[in-house]
Amino acid sequence: MKTCHQFDTVRAEYEREIGFMVAHSQRHEGRPAAKSSAKQAASTKARMARALSGHVGRCPECG
């Protein structure tokens, strides 16, 4: 699937944010902060999927 620059930028931003949350969760394993970061990472993955699928539906270059 060919995607536009904006799609790649949005995906990279979400993946960076998810990476930070997962790393924090791993660093603080066994603490409440780790559980919170893991939950936030999961919800951010869902938001990323919604944002990117919405983008593909609207973008003439991607869709």
N, C-alpha and C. Protein backbone atom coordinates (compact mmCIF):
# COMPACT_ATOMS: atom_id res chain seq x y z
N MET A 1 0.84 -1.18 0.00
CA MET A 1 0.00 0.00 0.00
C MET A 1 0.89 1.24 0.00
N LYS A 2 0.67 2.12 -0.93
CA LYS A 2 1.42 3.35 -1.01
C LYS A 2 0.75 4.40 -0.13
N THR A 3 1.54 5.07 0.69
CA THR A 3 0.99 6.08 1.60
C THR A 3 1.68 7.42 1.37
N CYS A 4 1.02 8.46 1.83
CA CYS A 4 1.56 9.80 1.66
C CYS A 4 2.47 10.17 2.84
N HIS A 5 3.09 11.32 2.72
CA HIS A 5 4.01 11.80 3.75
C HIS A 5 3.29 12.03 5.08
N GLN A 6 2.09 12.56 5.02
CA GLN A 6 1.34 12.84 6.25
C GLN A 6 1.01 11.54 7.00
N PHE A 7 0.65 10.51 6.29
CA PHE A 7 0.37 9.21 6.90
C PHE A 7 1.61 8.70 7.63
N ASP A 8 2.75 8.77 6.96
CA ASP A 8 4.00 8.31 7.56
C ASP A 8 4.37 9.13 8.79
N THR A 9 4.12 10.43 8.73
CA THR A 9 4.42 11.30 9.87
C THR A 9 3.54 10.98 11.06
N VAL A 10 2.25 10.82 10.83
CA VAL A 10 1.32 10.50 11.90
C VAL A 10 1.66 9.15 12.53
N ARG A 11 1.95 8.17 11.69
CA ARG A 11 2.30 6.84 12.19
C ARG A 11 3.58 6.89 13.02
N ALA A 12 4.58 7.63 12.56
CA ALA A 12 5.85 7.73 13.28
C ALA A 12 5.65 8.39 14.65
N GLU A 13 4.81 9.42 14.71
CA GLU A 13 4.55 10.09 15.99
C GLU A 13 3.88 9.15 16.98
N TYR A 14 2.88 8.43 16.52
CA TYR A 14 2.20 7.48 17.40
C TYR A 14 3.14 6.37 17.86
N GLU A 15 3.93 5.83 16.93
CA GLU A 15 4.84 4.74 17.29
C GLU A 15 5.90 5.20 18.28
N ARG A 16 6.34 6.44 18.14
CA ARG A 16 7.32 7.00 19.08
C ARG A 16 6.71 7.11 20.47
N GLU A 17 5.49 7.64 20.54
CA GLU A 17 4.80 7.77 21.82
C GLU A 17 4.55 6.40 22.47
N ILE A 18 4.14 5.43 21.68
CA ILE A 18 3.91 4.08 22.19
C ILE A 18 5.22 3.47 22.69
N GLY A 19 6.29 3.70 21.97
CA GLY A 19 7.60 3.20 22.39
C GLY A 19 8.02 3.75 23.74
N PHE A 20 7.78 5.04 23.96
CA PHE A 20 8.11 5.65 25.25
C PHE A 20 7.31 5.01 26.37
N MET A 21 6.02 4.79 26.12
CA MET A 21 5.16 4.21 27.16
C MET A 21 5.56 2.77 27.48
N VAL A 22 5.87 2.00 26.46
CA VAL A 22 6.27 0.61 26.67
C VAL A 22 7.60 0.55 27.41
N ALA A 23 8.54 1.41 27.04
CA ALA A 23 9.83 1.44 27.72
C ALA A 23 9.66 1.82 29.19
N HIS A 24 8.81 2.79 29.45
CA HIS A 24 8.55 3.19 30.84
C HIS A 24 7.94 2.03 31.62
N SER A 25 7.03 1.33 30.99
CA SER A 25 6.38 0.20 31.63
C SER A 25 7.39 -0.90 31.96
N GLN A 26 8.32 -1.14 31.07
CA GLN A 26 9.33 -2.16 31.31
C GLN A 26 10.33 -1.73 32.38
N ARG A 27 10.68 -0.46 32.40
CA ARG A 27 11.63 0.04 33.40
C ARG A 27 11.07 -0.05 34.82
N HIS A 28 9.77 0.20 34.95
CA HIS A 28 9.13 0.26 36.26
C HIS A 28 8.24 -0.96 36.50
N GLU A 29 8.66 -2.09 36.01
CA GLU A 29 7.87 -3.32 36.12
C GLU A 29 7.54 -3.62 37.59
N GLY A 30 6.29 -3.97 37.81
CA GLY A 30 5.83 -4.30 39.16
C GLY A 30 5.28 -3.13 39.93
N ARG A 31 5.31 -1.96 39.37
CA ARG A 31 4.78 -0.76 40.04
C ARG A 31 3.48 -0.33 39.37
N PRO A 32 2.68 0.44 40.09
CA PRO A 32 1.43 0.94 39.48
C PRO A 32 1.67 1.78 38.22
N ALA A 33 2.78 2.53 38.20
CA ALA A 33 3.08 3.37 37.04
C ALA A 33 3.29 2.52 35.79
N ALA A 34 3.86 1.34 35.96
CA ALA A 34 4.08 0.45 34.82
C ALA A 34 2.76 -0.03 34.24
N LYS A 35 1.86 -0.39 35.12
CA LYS A 35 0.55 -0.86 34.65
C LYS A 35 -0.19 0.25 33.92
N SER A 36 -0.10 1.46 34.45
CA SER A 36 -0.75 2.60 33.82
C SER A 36 -0.16 2.87 32.43
N SER A 37 1.16 2.83 32.32
CA SER A 37 1.80 3.06 31.03
C SER A 37 1.43 1.99 30.02
N ALA A 38 1.34 0.75 30.47
CA ALA A 38 0.97 -0.33 29.57
C ALA A 38 -0.45 -0.14 29.05
N LYS A 39 -1.35 0.28 29.93
CA LYS A 39 -2.74 0.53 29.50
C LYS A 39 -2.80 1.70 28.52
N GLN A 40 -2.03 2.75 28.81
CA GLN A 40 -2.01 3.91 27.91
C GLN A 40 -1.45 3.53 26.55
N ALA A 41 -0.43 2.68 26.53
CA ALA A 41 0.15 2.24 25.26
C ALA A 41 -0.88 1.48 24.44
N ALA A 42 -1.65 0.62 25.10
CA ALA A 42 -2.68 -0.15 24.39
C ALA A 42 -3.75 0.77 23.82
N SER A 43 -4.18 1.75 24.60
CA SER A 43 -5.21 2.66 24.09
C SER A 43 -4.66 3.56 22.99
N THR A 44 -3.38 3.90 23.07
CA THR A 44 -2.77 4.72 22.03
C THR A 44 -2.66 3.93 20.73
N LYS A 45 -2.42 2.63 20.81
CA LYS A 45 -2.40 1.79 19.61
C LYS A 45 -3.77 1.80 18.93
N ALA A 46 -4.82 1.75 19.72
CA ALA A 46 -6.17 1.79 19.16
C ALA A 46 -6.45 3.15 18.53
N ARG A 47 -6.01 4.23 19.20
CA ARG A 47 -6.20 5.57 18.63
C ARG A 47 -5.43 5.72 17.33
N MET A 48 -4.22 5.15 17.27
CA MET A 48 -3.42 5.21 16.05
C MET A 48 -4.15 4.50 14.91
N ALA A 49 -4.71 3.34 15.20
CA ALA A 49 -5.43 2.60 14.16
C ALA A 49 -6.63 3.40 13.64
N ARG A 50 -7.37 4.02 14.56
CA ARG A 50 -8.51 4.84 14.14
C ARG A 50 -8.06 6.04 13.32
N ALA A 51 -7.00 6.70 13.77
CA ALA A 51 -6.53 7.89 13.06
C ALA A 51 -6.03 7.54 11.67
N LEU A 52 -5.29 6.46 11.55
CA LEU A 52 -4.73 6.09 10.25
C LEU A 52 -5.80 5.56 9.30
N SER A 53 -6.75 4.82 9.81
CA SER A 53 -7.81 4.34 8.92
C SER A 53 -8.69 5.50 8.47
N GLY A 54 -8.92 6.46 9.35
CA GLY A 54 -9.66 7.65 8.96
C GLY A 54 -8.91 8.46 7.92
N HIS A 55 -7.60 8.54 8.08
CA HIS A 55 -6.78 9.27 7.13
C HIS A 55 -6.85 8.62 5.74
N VAL A 56 -6.72 7.31 5.71
CA VAL A 56 -6.77 6.58 4.43
C VAL A 56 -8.12 6.80 3.75
N GLY A 57 -9.19 6.87 4.54
CA GLY A 57 -10.51 7.09 3.96
C GLY A 57 -10.69 8.47 3.36
N ARG A 58 -9.96 9.46 3.89
CA ARG A 58 -10.11 10.84 3.42
C ARG A 58 -9.06 11.27 2.40
N CYS A 59 -7.89 10.67 2.47
CA CYS A 59 -6.77 11.12 1.65
C CYS A 59 -6.84 10.53 0.23
N PRO A 60 -6.84 11.37 -0.78
CA PRO A 60 -6.89 10.86 -2.16
C PRO A 60 -5.61 10.14 -2.56
N GLU A 61 -4.48 10.48 -1.96
CA GLU A 61 -3.22 9.85 -2.30
C GLU A 61 -3.08 8.46 -1.69
N CYS A 62 -3.59 8.30 -0.47
CA CYS A 62 -3.49 7.00 0.23
C CYS A 62 -4.62 6.05 -0.15
N GLY A 63 -5.81 6.58 -0.29
CA GLY A 63 -6.98 5.75 -0.53
C GLY A 63 -7.16 5.46 -1.95
